[in-house]
Amino acid sequence: MARTRPGARQDAADEALIRTLYEQHGGALLAYAIRLTGDRAAAEDAVQETLIRAWRNPEALTEARGSVRGWLLTVERNLITDRFRARAARPAEVAEVSEETATVPVEHDHAEGVVETLVMSQALERLSPEHREVLHSIYFQRLSVTEAAEQLGVPAGTVKSRAHYALRALKRSYTGRTGTWQEVSV
């Protein structure tokens, strides 16, 4: 035999139970939920879910088992706690992309830096060995012009001249590939 739906009397009794609970305890439930969540919409959802739990567990709503309001407030607090825990356990939601944020470039994307390093490495390879040595001494070893001149065994003026022409060649090479250049000071 198939299960039948409860009769109209049961539906009326259920509706009367929920209506009575809401009239007697709805204000306290809503105030408590707002205090816990800080959000009226979330608080209203919690009150509604609490009343659904009460409807599903009418045996818990007798004064012989304790305060009805106490049971309702405990159920509501547990629901809100569970929602906070669930929200904390899953990753943050991604905000919708608007036209303004869609055009903003990513700030910490390292791909551009990698491409620039490759372009610069290729440009350095095209320099003469003398020009590469000067730039390596000045920029990578952080030597002064005088120190680089001593290390390379050439006059300081030659170091300055080679650095100037090496940077100019790099600038030409770099600008030709990417269209941008950030000049390096010597």
Protein backbone atom coordinates (compact mmCIF):
# COMPACT_ATOMS: atom_id res chain seq x y z
CA MET A 1 0.00 0.00 0.00
CA ALA A 2 1.37 3.42 -0.92
CA ARG A 3 2.03 6.02 1.75
CA THR A 4 -0.57 8.68 1.88
CA ARG A 5 -0.07 12.32 2.66
CA PRO A 6 -1.25 13.49 6.08
CA GLY A 7 -4.74 14.86 6.04
CA ALA A 8 -5.88 18.44 6.07
CA ARG A 9 -6.16 18.28 9.87
CA GLN A 10 -2.46 17.52 10.21
CA ASP A 11 -1.56 20.32 7.78
CA ALA A 12 -3.68 22.77 9.77
CA ALA A 13 -2.10 21.60 13.04
CA ASP A 14 1.41 22.00 11.57
CA GLU A 15 0.61 25.47 10.31
CA ALA A 16 -0.87 26.44 13.65
CA LEU A 17 2.25 25.13 15.46
CA ILE A 18 4.64 27.14 13.30
CA ARG A 19 2.45 30.25 13.42
CA THR A 20 2.26 30.03 17.24
CA LEU A 21 6.02 29.48 17.55
CA TYR A 22 6.70 32.47 15.32
CA GLU A 23 4.27 34.71 17.21
CA GLN A 24 5.72 33.73 20.59
CA HIS A 25 9.42 33.42 19.78
CA GLY A 26 9.98 34.97 16.32
CA GLY A 27 11.09 38.37 17.65
CA ALA A 28 13.59 36.86 20.07
CA LEU A 29 14.90 34.47 17.41
CA LEU A 30 15.36 37.28 14.89
CA ALA A 31 17.07 39.59 17.38
CA TYR A 32 19.43 36.81 18.49
CA ALA A 33 20.27 35.85 14.90
CA ILE A 34 20.94 39.47 13.92
CA ARG A 35 23.25 39.83 16.91
CA LEU A 36 25.14 36.66 15.88
CA THR A 37 25.34 37.32 12.13
CA GLY A 38 25.21 41.10 11.83
CA ASP A 39 23.12 40.59 8.69
CA ARG A 40 19.33 40.82 8.69
CA ALA A 41 18.85 38.65 5.59
CA ALA A 42 21.06 35.89 7.02
CA ALA A 43 19.23 36.23 10.34
CA GLU A 44 15.84 35.81 8.67
CA ASP A 45 17.13 32.70 6.89
CA ALA A 46 18.30 31.32 10.24
CA VAL A 47 14.90 31.96 11.85
CA GLN A 48 13.16 30.23 8.96
CA GLU A 49 15.48 27.21 9.15
CA THR A 50 14.99 27.06 12.93
CA LEU A 51 11.22 26.95 12.50
CA ILE A 52 11.57 24.19 9.89
CA ARG A 53 13.64 22.18 12.37
CA ALA A 54 10.94 22.75 14.99
CA TRP A 55 8.29 21.55 12.54
CA ARG A 56 10.34 18.40 11.84
CA ASN A 57 10.90 17.72 15.56
CA PRO A 58 7.62 18.56 17.33
CA GLU A 59 8.46 16.15 20.16
CA ALA A 60 11.22 18.55 21.30
CA LEU A 61 8.71 21.36 21.77
CA THR A 62 7.19 20.24 25.04
CA GLU A 63 7.85 22.07 28.28
CA ALA A 64 8.51 18.69 29.92
CA ARG A 65 11.74 18.45 27.90
CA GLY A 66 12.82 21.98 28.78
CA SER A 67 12.23 25.52 27.61
CA VAL A 68 10.86 25.74 24.06
CA ARG A 69 12.57 29.10 23.56
CA GLY A 70 15.84 27.68 24.86
CA TRP A 71 15.61 24.78 22.40
CA LEU A 72 14.82 27.15 19.52
CA LEU A 73 17.69 29.51 20.39
CA THR A 74 20.10 26.56 20.69
CA VAL A 75 19.04 25.20 17.31
CA GLU A 76 19.42 28.66 15.77
CA ARG A 77 22.87 29.21 17.29
CA ASN A 78 24.01 25.80 16.00
CA LEU A 79 22.70 26.59 12.50
CA ILE A 80 24.53 29.92 12.41
CA THR A 81 27.72 28.34 13.77
CA ASP A 82 27.53 25.63 11.11
CA ARG A 83 27.10 28.25 8.37
CA PHE A 84 30.13 30.23 9.59
CA ARG A 85 32.22 27.05 9.73
CA ALA A 86 31.11 26.00 6.26
CA ARG A 87 31.94 29.43 4.86
CA ALA A 88 35.37 29.36 6.51
CA ALA A 89 36.08 25.86 5.18
CA ARG A 90 35.55 26.66 1.51
CA PRO A 91 37.58 29.10 -0.56
CA ALA A 92 36.49 32.70 -0.78
CA GLU A 93 34.01 33.45 -3.51
CA VAL A 94 35.33 35.27 -6.54
CA ALA A 95 33.77 38.65 -7.12
CA GLU A 96 31.98 39.28 -10.36
CA VAL A 97 34.15 40.83 -13.04
CA SER A 98 33.02 44.24 -14.17
CA GLU A 99 34.26 46.12 -17.20
CA GLU A 100 36.50 48.25 -14.97
CA THR A 101 38.22 45.31 -13.28
CA ALA A 102 38.38 43.23 -16.46
CA THR A 103 40.78 45.69 -18.10
CA VAL A 104 43.09 46.06 -15.10
CA PRO A 105 46.26 44.03 -15.64
CA VAL A 106 47.36 41.50 -13.06
CA GLU A 107 49.88 43.18 -10.78
CA HIS A 108 52.05 40.26 -9.77
CA ASP A 109 52.26 38.29 -13.00
CA HIS A 110 55.83 37.11 -13.34
CA ALA A 111 55.44 36.11 -17.00
CA GLU A 112 56.23 39.61 -18.24
CA GLY A 113 59.43 39.64 -16.19
CA VAL A 114 60.46 36.28 -17.65
CA VAL A 115 59.90 37.52 -21.19
CA GLU A 116 61.87 40.70 -20.49
CA THR A 117 64.75 38.64 -19.07
CA LEU A 118 64.83 36.45 -22.17
CA VAL A 119 64.75 39.46 -24.49
CA MET A 120 67.53 41.16 -22.53
CA SER A 121 69.64 37.97 -22.50
CA GLN A 122 69.35 37.70 -26.27
CA ALA A 123 70.27 41.37 -26.68
CA LEU A 124 73.32 40.90 -24.42
CA GLU A 125 74.46 37.94 -26.52
CA ARG A 126 74.54 40.17 -29.62
CA LEU A 127 76.97 42.61 -28.00
CA SER A 128 80.69 42.28 -28.54
CA PRO A 129 82.59 40.46 -25.77
CA GLU A 130 84.26 43.74 -24.68
CA HIS A 131 80.91 45.49 -24.25
CA ARG A 132 79.44 42.50 -22.36
CA GLU A 133 82.47 42.43 -20.01
CA VAL A 134 82.06 46.13 -19.17
CA LEU A 135 78.34 45.78 -18.45
CA HIS A 136 78.95 42.65 -16.41
CA SER A 137 81.59 44.41 -14.32
CA ILE A 138 79.53 47.55 -13.73
CA TYR A 139 76.03 46.11 -13.28
CA PHE A 140 76.44 42.52 -12.10
CA GLN A 141 79.63 42.87 -10.06
CA ARG A 142 78.67 46.43 -9.04
CA LEU A 143 82.18 47.75 -9.62
CA SER A 144 82.90 51.42 -10.03
CA VAL A 145 84.30 52.65 -13.34
CA THR A 146 87.80 52.77 -11.82
CA GLU A 147 87.52 49.25 -10.37
CA ALA A 148 86.16 47.88 -13.67
CA ALA A 149 89.02 49.56 -15.55
CA GLU A 150 91.58 47.92 -13.24
CA GLN A 151 89.91 44.51 -13.53
CA LEU A 152 89.66 44.67 -17.34
CA GLY A 153 93.07 46.29 -17.80
CA VAL A 154 91.78 49.23 -19.84
CA PRO A 155 91.59 52.99 -19.11
CA ALA A 156 88.57 54.36 -17.22
CA GLY A 157 87.55 56.40 -20.28
CA THR A 158 87.38 53.20 -22.34
CA VAL A 159 85.11 51.60 -19.71
CA LYS A 160 82.80 54.63 -19.85
CA SER A 161 82.77 54.62 -23.64
CA ARG A 162 82.09 50.88 -23.90
CA ALA A 163 79.33 51.13 -21.30
CA HIS A 164 77.72 54.02 -23.21
CA TYR A 165 77.75 52.22 -26.57
CA ALA A 166 76.68 48.89 -25.02
CA LEU A 167 73.68 50.51 -23.36
CA ARG A 168 72.79 52.32 -26.57
CA ALA A 169 72.91 49.03 -28.51
CA LEU A 170 70.79 47.31 -25.85
CA LYS A 171 68.27 50.11 -25.96
CA ARG A 172 67.98 49.86 -29.73
CA SER A 173 67.62 46.08 -29.58
CA TYR A 174 65.15 46.14 -26.72
CA THR A 175 62.98 48.92 -28.16
CA GLY A 176 62.81 47.12 -31.48
CA ARG A 177 61.38 43.96 -29.90
CA THR A 178 58.92 45.20 -27.32
CA GLY A 179 58.32 48.85 -28.09
CA THR A 180 59.21 49.83 -24.54
CA TRP A 181 62.37 50.78 -22.73
CA GLN A 182 63.24 51.71 -19.21
CA GLU A 183 66.61 53.35 -19.38
CA VAL A 184 69.21 52.09 -16.96
CA SER A 185 71.44 54.75 -15.41
CA VAL A 186 75.16 54.07 -15.36
